[in-house]
């Protein structure tokens, strides 16, 4: 005989901190993908393309501006990605995920493995050249 819990299981979302950190160390595009996955969980599949579109336009505009100004590439990358991550977690989240939506934090293992593989590949390719 199986005993069922009276507590309803909560939805799994990537936390604001996860989206923000992956936006910084991956890219705003990567953070937007995680955020879009959250929107699918809260039944806003129709709007899940909006953060990805934002990230593409944001990266194109601000990376181009940073390159023209001549800011240190690493500093500009971290600054640009931080601002993009804040936009995703403060503005987008506030507008699209209900304040009273109860959720549990989704595991970051898979995205973390992907980020490590991407950065590892980039570093190895740079060392080879």
N, C-alpha and C. Protein backbone atom coordinates (compact mmCIF):
# COMPACT_ATOMS: atom_id res chain seq x y z
N UNK A 1 0.84 -1.18 0.00
CA UNK A 1 0.00 0.00 0.00
C UNK A 1 0.89 1.24 0.00
N UNK A 2 0.61 2.11 -0.94
CA UNK A 2 1.41 3.33 -1.10
C UNK A 2 0.79 4.47 -0.31
N UNK A 3 1.61 5.17 0.43
CA UNK A 3 1.14 6.31 1.19
C UNK A 3 1.42 7.57 0.38
N UNK A 4 0.39 8.33 0.12
CA UNK A 4 0.55 9.56 -0.66
C UNK A 4 0.68 10.74 0.27
N UNK A 5 1.54 11.64 -0.12
CA UNK A 5 1.75 12.84 0.68
C UNK A 5 0.57 13.79 0.50
N UNK A 6 0.18 14.42 1.58
CA UNK A 6 -0.90 15.40 1.48
C UNK A 6 -0.38 16.72 0.94
N UNK A 7 0.94 16.89 1.00
CA UNK A 7 1.54 18.13 0.50
C UNK A 7 1.70 18.04 -1.01
N UNK A 8 1.19 19.01 -1.69
CA UNK A 8 1.28 19.04 -3.14
C UNK A 8 2.72 19.34 -3.55
N UNK A 9 3.22 18.62 -4.56
CA UNK A 9 4.60 18.87 -4.99
C UNK A 9 4.68 20.21 -5.72
N UNK A 10 5.76 20.91 -5.47
CA UNK A 10 5.95 22.23 -6.05
C UNK A 10 6.64 22.12 -7.40
N UNK A 11 6.42 23.11 -8.23
CA UNK A 11 7.08 23.17 -9.53
C UNK A 11 8.56 23.46 -9.35
N UNK A 12 9.36 23.01 -10.30
CA UNK A 12 10.80 23.24 -10.26
C UNK A 12 11.15 24.38 -11.20
N UNK A 13 11.77 25.43 -10.66
CA UNK A 13 12.23 26.56 -11.45
C UNK A 13 13.69 26.83 -11.15
N UNK A 14 14.37 27.39 -12.13
CA UNK A 14 15.71 27.91 -11.85
C UNK A 14 15.51 29.19 -11.06
N UNK A 15 16.25 29.35 -9.98
CA UNK A 15 16.08 30.52 -9.12
C UNK A 15 16.59 31.78 -9.81
N UNK A 16 16.23 32.92 -9.22
CA UNK A 16 16.72 34.20 -9.73
C UNK A 16 18.25 34.23 -9.69
N UNK A 17 18.82 33.74 -8.61
CA UNK A 17 20.27 33.72 -8.49
C UNK A 17 20.92 32.87 -9.57
N UNK A 18 20.32 31.72 -9.87
CA UNK A 18 20.85 30.85 -10.92
C UNK A 18 20.80 31.55 -12.27
N UNK A 19 19.67 32.15 -12.60
CA UNK A 19 19.54 32.86 -13.88
C UNK A 19 20.56 34.00 -13.95
N UNK A 20 20.71 34.73 -12.85
CA UNK A 20 21.65 35.85 -12.81
C UNK A 20 23.09 35.37 -13.00
N UNK A 21 23.51 34.38 -12.24
CA UNK A 21 24.89 33.89 -12.33
C UNK A 21 25.20 33.27 -13.69
N UNK A 22 24.25 32.53 -14.25
CA UNK A 22 24.49 31.95 -15.57
C UNK A 22 24.49 33.03 -16.65
N UNK A 23 23.77 34.13 -16.41
CA UNK A 23 23.83 35.26 -17.34
C UNK A 23 25.22 35.90 -17.33
N UNK A 24 25.82 35.98 -16.15
CA UNK A 24 27.14 36.60 -16.02
C UNK A 24 28.21 35.69 -16.61
N UNK A 25 28.26 34.45 -16.15
CA UNK A 25 29.38 33.58 -16.50
C UNK A 25 29.16 32.76 -17.77
N UNK A 26 27.94 32.70 -18.24
CA UNK A 26 27.66 32.05 -19.52
C UNK A 26 27.47 33.14 -20.56
N UNK A 27 26.33 33.75 -20.51
CA UNK A 27 25.98 34.93 -21.30
C UNK A 27 24.53 35.25 -20.97
N UNK A 28 24.12 36.43 -21.36
CA UNK A 28 22.71 36.80 -21.14
C UNK A 28 21.82 35.83 -21.90
N UNK A 29 22.30 35.35 -23.04
CA UNK A 29 21.54 34.40 -23.83
C UNK A 29 21.33 33.10 -23.03
N UNK A 30 22.37 32.63 -22.37
CA UNK A 30 22.26 31.40 -21.58
C UNK A 30 21.29 31.60 -20.42
N UNK A 31 21.39 32.74 -19.73
CA UNK A 31 20.45 33.05 -18.65
C UNK A 31 19.01 33.13 -19.16
N UNK A 32 18.85 33.68 -20.37
CA UNK A 32 17.51 33.80 -20.96
C UNK A 32 16.92 32.43 -21.29
N UNK A 33 17.75 31.50 -21.67
CA UNK A 33 17.26 30.14 -21.94
C UNK A 33 16.74 29.51 -20.65
N UNK A 34 17.50 29.65 -19.56
CA UNK A 34 17.04 29.11 -18.28
C UNK A 34 15.75 29.79 -17.84
N UNK A 35 15.69 31.10 -18.02
CA UNK A 35 14.48 31.85 -17.65
C UNK A 35 13.28 31.41 -18.51
N UNK A 36 13.52 31.18 -19.79
CA UNK A 36 12.45 30.73 -20.69
C UNK A 36 11.93 29.36 -20.27
N UNK A 37 12.83 28.52 -19.78
CA UNK A 37 12.40 27.21 -19.28
C UNK A 37 11.49 27.40 -18.06
N UNK A 38 11.76 28.40 -17.25
CA UNK A 38 10.88 28.72 -16.13
C UNK A 38 9.50 29.13 -16.61
N UNK A 39 9.44 29.93 -17.66
CA UNK A 39 8.15 30.40 -18.17
C UNK A 39 7.29 29.25 -18.65
N UNK A 40 7.91 28.23 -19.21
CA UNK A 40 7.15 27.06 -19.64
C UNK A 40 6.53 26.34 -18.46
N UNK A 41 7.22 26.33 -17.34
CA UNK A 41 6.71 25.68 -16.13
C UNK A 41 5.51 26.45 -15.56
N UNK A 42 5.53 27.78 -15.65
CA UNK A 42 4.42 28.58 -15.11
C UNK A 42 3.34 28.84 -16.16
N UNK A 43 3.31 27.99 -17.18
CA UNK A 43 2.30 28.04 -18.24
C UNK A 43 2.28 29.34 -19.02
N UNK A 44 3.45 29.86 -19.32
CA UNK A 44 3.56 31.05 -20.17
C UNK A 44 4.43 30.70 -21.37
N UNK A 45 4.12 29.56 -21.99
CA UNK A 45 4.91 29.08 -23.12
C UNK A 45 4.93 30.08 -24.27
N UNK A 46 3.82 30.77 -24.46
CA UNK A 46 3.72 31.73 -25.55
C UNK A 46 4.75 32.85 -25.38
N UNK A 47 5.02 33.24 -24.14
CA UNK A 47 5.95 34.34 -23.88
C UNK A 47 7.39 33.87 -23.69
N UNK A 48 7.63 32.56 -23.81
CA UNK A 48 8.97 32.04 -23.52
C UNK A 48 10.02 32.46 -24.54
N UNK A 49 9.61 32.92 -25.71
CA UNK A 49 10.57 33.38 -26.72
C UNK A 49 11.05 34.81 -26.43
N UNK A 50 10.28 35.57 -25.67
CA UNK A 50 10.60 36.99 -25.42
C UNK A 50 11.96 37.19 -24.77
N UNK A 51 12.30 36.46 -23.68
CA UNK A 51 13.62 36.68 -23.09
C UNK A 51 14.77 36.28 -24.01
N UNK A 52 14.56 35.28 -24.83
CA UNK A 52 15.62 34.87 -25.77
C UNK A 52 15.81 35.93 -26.83
N UNK A 53 14.72 36.47 -27.34
CA UNK A 53 14.81 37.56 -28.31
C UNK A 53 15.48 38.78 -27.67
N UNK A 54 15.11 39.09 -26.45
CA UNK A 54 15.75 40.18 -25.71
C UNK A 54 17.26 39.95 -25.62
N UNK A 55 17.67 38.73 -25.25
CA UNK A 55 19.09 38.42 -25.06
C UNK A 55 19.87 38.58 -26.36
N UNK A 56 19.31 38.16 -27.47
CA UNK A 56 19.99 38.28 -28.76
C UNK A 56 20.19 39.76 -29.11
N UNK A 57 19.12 40.53 -29.02
CA UNK A 57 19.21 41.97 -29.34
C UNK A 57 20.14 42.68 -28.35
N UNK A 58 20.00 42.37 -27.08
CA UNK A 58 20.83 42.98 -26.03
C UNK A 58 22.31 42.71 -26.29
N UNK A 59 22.65 41.45 -26.54
CA UNK A 59 24.06 41.11 -26.78
C UNK A 59 24.61 41.78 -28.04
N UNK A 60 23.82 41.81 -29.08
CA UNK A 60 24.28 42.45 -30.31
C UNK A 60 24.54 43.94 -30.10
N UNK A 61 23.61 44.60 -29.43
CA UNK A 61 23.76 46.04 -29.21
C UNK A 61 24.91 46.39 -28.28
N UNK A 62 24.92 45.79 -27.11
CA UNK A 62 25.88 46.21 -26.10
C UNK A 62 27.29 45.69 -26.33
N UNK A 63 27.43 44.51 -26.90
CA UNK A 63 28.77 44.05 -27.23
C UNK A 63 29.39 44.90 -28.33
N UNK A 64 28.57 45.31 -29.28
CA UNK A 64 29.03 46.18 -30.36
C UNK A 64 29.46 47.54 -29.80
N UNK A 65 28.66 48.09 -28.89
CA UNK A 65 28.98 49.38 -28.28
C UNK A 65 30.28 49.27 -27.48
N UNK A 66 30.42 48.20 -26.68
CA UNK A 66 31.62 48.01 -25.86
C UNK A 66 32.87 47.89 -26.74
N UNK A 67 32.74 47.20 -27.86
CA UNK A 67 33.88 47.05 -28.77
C UNK A 67 34.29 48.39 -29.38
N UNK A 68 33.31 49.22 -29.72
CA UNK A 68 33.61 50.53 -30.31
C UNK A 68 34.25 51.49 -29.31
N UNK A 69 33.81 51.39 -28.05
CA UNK A 69 34.36 52.27 -27.02
C UNK A 69 35.78 51.84 -26.66
N UNK A 70 36.06 50.56 -26.77
CA UNK A 70 37.39 50.06 -26.45
C UNK A 70 37.59 49.70 -25.00
N UNK A 71 36.51 49.30 -24.33
CA UNK A 71 36.61 48.88 -22.93
C UNK A 71 37.30 47.52 -22.87
N UNK A 72 38.00 47.27 -21.77
CA UNK A 72 38.61 45.96 -21.55
C UNK A 72 37.57 44.87 -21.82
N UNK A 73 37.88 43.89 -22.69
CA UNK A 73 36.88 42.88 -23.08
C UNK A 73 36.29 42.09 -21.91
N UNK A 74 37.12 41.70 -20.95
CA UNK A 74 36.61 40.90 -19.83
C UNK A 74 35.73 41.76 -18.93
N UNK A 75 36.17 42.98 -18.65
CA UNK A 75 35.38 43.88 -17.82
C UNK A 75 34.05 44.19 -18.49
N UNK A 76 34.09 44.50 -19.77
CA UNK A 76 32.84 44.83 -20.47
C UNK A 76 31.91 43.62 -20.53
N UNK A 77 32.47 42.44 -20.71
CA UNK A 77 31.65 41.23 -20.76
C UNK A 77 30.94 41.01 -19.42
N UNK A 78 31.68 41.13 -18.34
CA UNK A 78 31.08 40.93 -17.02
C UNK A 78 30.05 42.01 -16.71
N UNK A 79 30.37 43.25 -17.06
CA UNK A 79 29.44 44.35 -16.81
C UNK A 79 28.17 44.21 -17.65
N UNK A 80 28.34 43.96 -18.93
CA UNK A 80 27.20 43.81 -19.84
C UNK A 80 26.33 42.62 -19.42
N UNK A 81 26.97 41.50 -19.11
CA UNK A 81 26.22 40.32 -18.70
C UNK A 81 25.52 40.53 -17.36
N UNK A 82 26.15 41.25 -16.44
CA UNK A 82 25.53 41.52 -15.14
C UNK A 82 24.26 42.35 -15.31
N UNK A 83 24.35 43.38 -16.13
CA UNK A 83 23.17 44.23 -16.37
C UNK A 83 22.06 43.42 -17.04
N UNK A 84 22.42 42.61 -18.02
CA UNK A 84 21.43 41.76 -18.69
C UNK A 84 20.79 40.78 -17.72
N UNK A 85 21.61 40.19 -16.83
CA UNK A 85 21.08 39.27 -15.83
C UNK A 85 20.13 39.96 -14.87
N UNK A 86 20.45 41.20 -14.50
CA UNK A 86 19.55 41.97 -13.63
C UNK A 86 18.23 42.27 -14.32
N UNK A 87 18.29 42.58 -15.60
CA UNK A 87 17.05 42.83 -16.34
C UNK A 87 16.18 41.58 -16.36
N UNK A 88 16.80 40.42 -16.60
CA UNK A 88 16.03 39.17 -16.61
C UNK A 88 15.42 38.86 -15.25
N UNK A 89 16.21 39.03 -14.18
CA UNK A 89 15.74 38.61 -12.86
C UNK A 89 14.91 39.66 -12.13
N UNK A 90 15.05 40.89 -12.50
CA UNK A 90 14.27 41.94 -11.83
C UNK A 90 13.05 42.35 -12.65
N UNK A 91 13.26 42.78 -13.88
CA UNK A 91 12.15 43.27 -14.70
C UNK A 91 11.28 42.15 -15.27
N UNK A 92 11.92 41.23 -15.98
CA UNK A 92 11.16 40.15 -16.61
C UNK A 92 10.46 39.29 -15.56
N UNK A 93 11.21 38.87 -14.54
CA UNK A 93 10.66 37.98 -13.52
C UNK A 93 9.45 38.63 -12.85
N UNK A 94 9.59 39.90 -12.49
CA UNK A 94 8.51 40.63 -11.81
C UNK A 94 7.24 40.66 -12.65
N UNK A 95 7.41 40.80 -13.96
CA UNK A 95 6.25 40.92 -14.85
C UNK A 95 5.64 39.58 -15.25
N UNK A 96 6.45 38.52 -15.28
CA UNK A 96 5.96 37.29 -15.89
C UNK A 96 5.76 36.11 -14.93
N UNK A 97 6.41 36.13 -13.79
CA UNK A 97 6.23 35.02 -12.84
C UNK A 97 5.49 35.57 -11.63
N UNK A 98 4.33 35.00 -11.35
CA UNK A 98 3.50 35.52 -10.26
C UNK A 98 4.27 35.55 -8.92
N UNK A 99 4.06 36.59 -8.16
CA UNK A 99 4.74 36.78 -6.88
C UNK A 99 4.43 35.62 -5.93
N UNK A 100 3.21 35.14 -5.96
CA UNK A 100 2.80 34.08 -5.03
C UNK A 100 3.05 32.68 -5.58
N UNK A 101 3.77 32.57 -6.70
CA UNK A 101 4.05 31.26 -7.29
C UNK A 101 5.07 30.52 -6.42
N UNK A 102 4.63 29.40 -5.87
CA UNK A 102 5.48 28.62 -4.97
C UNK A 102 6.26 27.59 -5.79
N UNK A 103 7.57 27.56 -5.61
CA UNK A 103 8.39 26.62 -6.38
C UNK A 103 9.59 26.16 -5.58
N UNK A 104 10.18 25.08 -6.05
CA UNK A 104 11.43 24.59 -5.50
C UNK A 104 12.52 24.87 -6.52
N UNK A 105 13.74 25.06 -6.04
CA UNK A 105 14.85 25.34 -6.95
C UNK A 105 15.19 24.10 -7.77
N UNK A 106 15.31 24.32 -9.05
CA UNK A 106 15.68 23.24 -9.98
C UNK A 106 17.19 23.05 -9.94
N UNK A 107 17.63 21.83 -10.09
CA UNK A 107 19.06 21.52 -10.06
C UNK A 107 19.81 22.24 -11.18
N UNK A 108 20.98 22.74 -10.84
CA UNK A 108 21.80 23.46 -11.82
C UNK A 108 22.90 22.57 -12.42
N UNK A 109 22.87 21.29 -12.11
CA UNK A 109 23.94 20.39 -12.56
C UNK A 109 24.05 20.36 -14.09
N UNK A 110 22.96 20.14 -14.80
CA UNK A 110 23.04 20.05 -16.27
C UNK A 110 23.52 21.36 -16.91
N UNK A 111 22.94 22.52 -16.56
CA UNK A 111 23.46 23.75 -17.15
C UNK A 111 24.91 24.01 -16.76
N UNK A 112 25.28 23.65 -15.54
CA UNK A 112 26.66 23.85 -15.09
C UNK A 112 27.64 23.00 -15.89
N UNK A 113 27.27 21.76 -16.14
CA UNK A 113 28.10 20.89 -16.98
C UNK A 113 28.26 21.49 -18.37
N UNK A 114 27.17 22.00 -18.92
CA UNK A 114 27.22 22.61 -20.25
C UNK A 114 28.13 23.84 -20.27
N UNK A 115 28.02 24.69 -19.26
CA UNK A 115 28.88 25.88 -19.19
C UNK A 115 30.35 25.48 -19.08
N UNK A 116 30.64 24.49 -18.24
CA UNK A 116 32.03 24.04 -18.07
C UNK A 116 32.56 23.48 -19.39
N UNK A 117 31.74 22.73 -20.10
CA UNK A 117 32.16 22.19 -21.40
C UNK A 117 32.42 23.30 -22.42
N UNK A 118 31.55 24.29 -22.45
CA UNK A 118 31.71 25.40 -23.39
C UNK A 118 32.97 26.18 -23.07
N UNK A 119 33.12 26.60 -21.80
CA UNK A 119 34.31 27.38 -21.42
C UNK A 119 35.58 26.55 -21.54
N UNK A 120 35.50 25.26 -21.20
CA UNK A 120 36.66 24.38 -21.34
C UNK A 120 37.11 24.27 -22.78
N UNK A 121 36.16 24.15 -23.70
CA UNK A 121 36.46 24.08 -25.12
C UNK A 121 37.10 25.37 -25.61
N UNK A 122 36.54 26.49 -25.18
CA UNK A 122 37.09 27.80 -25.58
C UNK A 122 38.53 27.95 -25.07
N UNK A 123 38.75 27.59 -23.82
CA UNK A 123 40.10 27.71 -23.25
C UNK A 123 41.08 26.79 -23.96
N UNK A 124 40.70 25.55 -24.21
CA UNK A 124 41.59 24.60 -24.91
C UNK A 124 41.89 25.08 -26.31
N UNK A 125 40.88 25.56 -27.02
CA UNK A 125 41.11 26.07 -28.39
C UNK A 125 42.05 27.27 -28.39
N UNK A 126 41.94 28.13 -27.38
CA UNK A 126 42.85 29.28 -27.28
C UNK A 126 44.26 28.85 -26.95
N UNK A 127 44.42 27.82 -26.14
CA UNK A 127 45.75 27.31 -25.79
C UNK A 127 46.43 26.63 -26.98
N UNK A 128 45.64 25.99 -27.82
CA UNK A 128 46.18 25.30 -28.98
C UNK A 128 46.72 26.31 -30.01
N UNK A 129 46.04 27.41 -30.17
CA UNK A 129 46.45 28.41 -31.15
C UNK A 129 47.62 29.14 -30.66
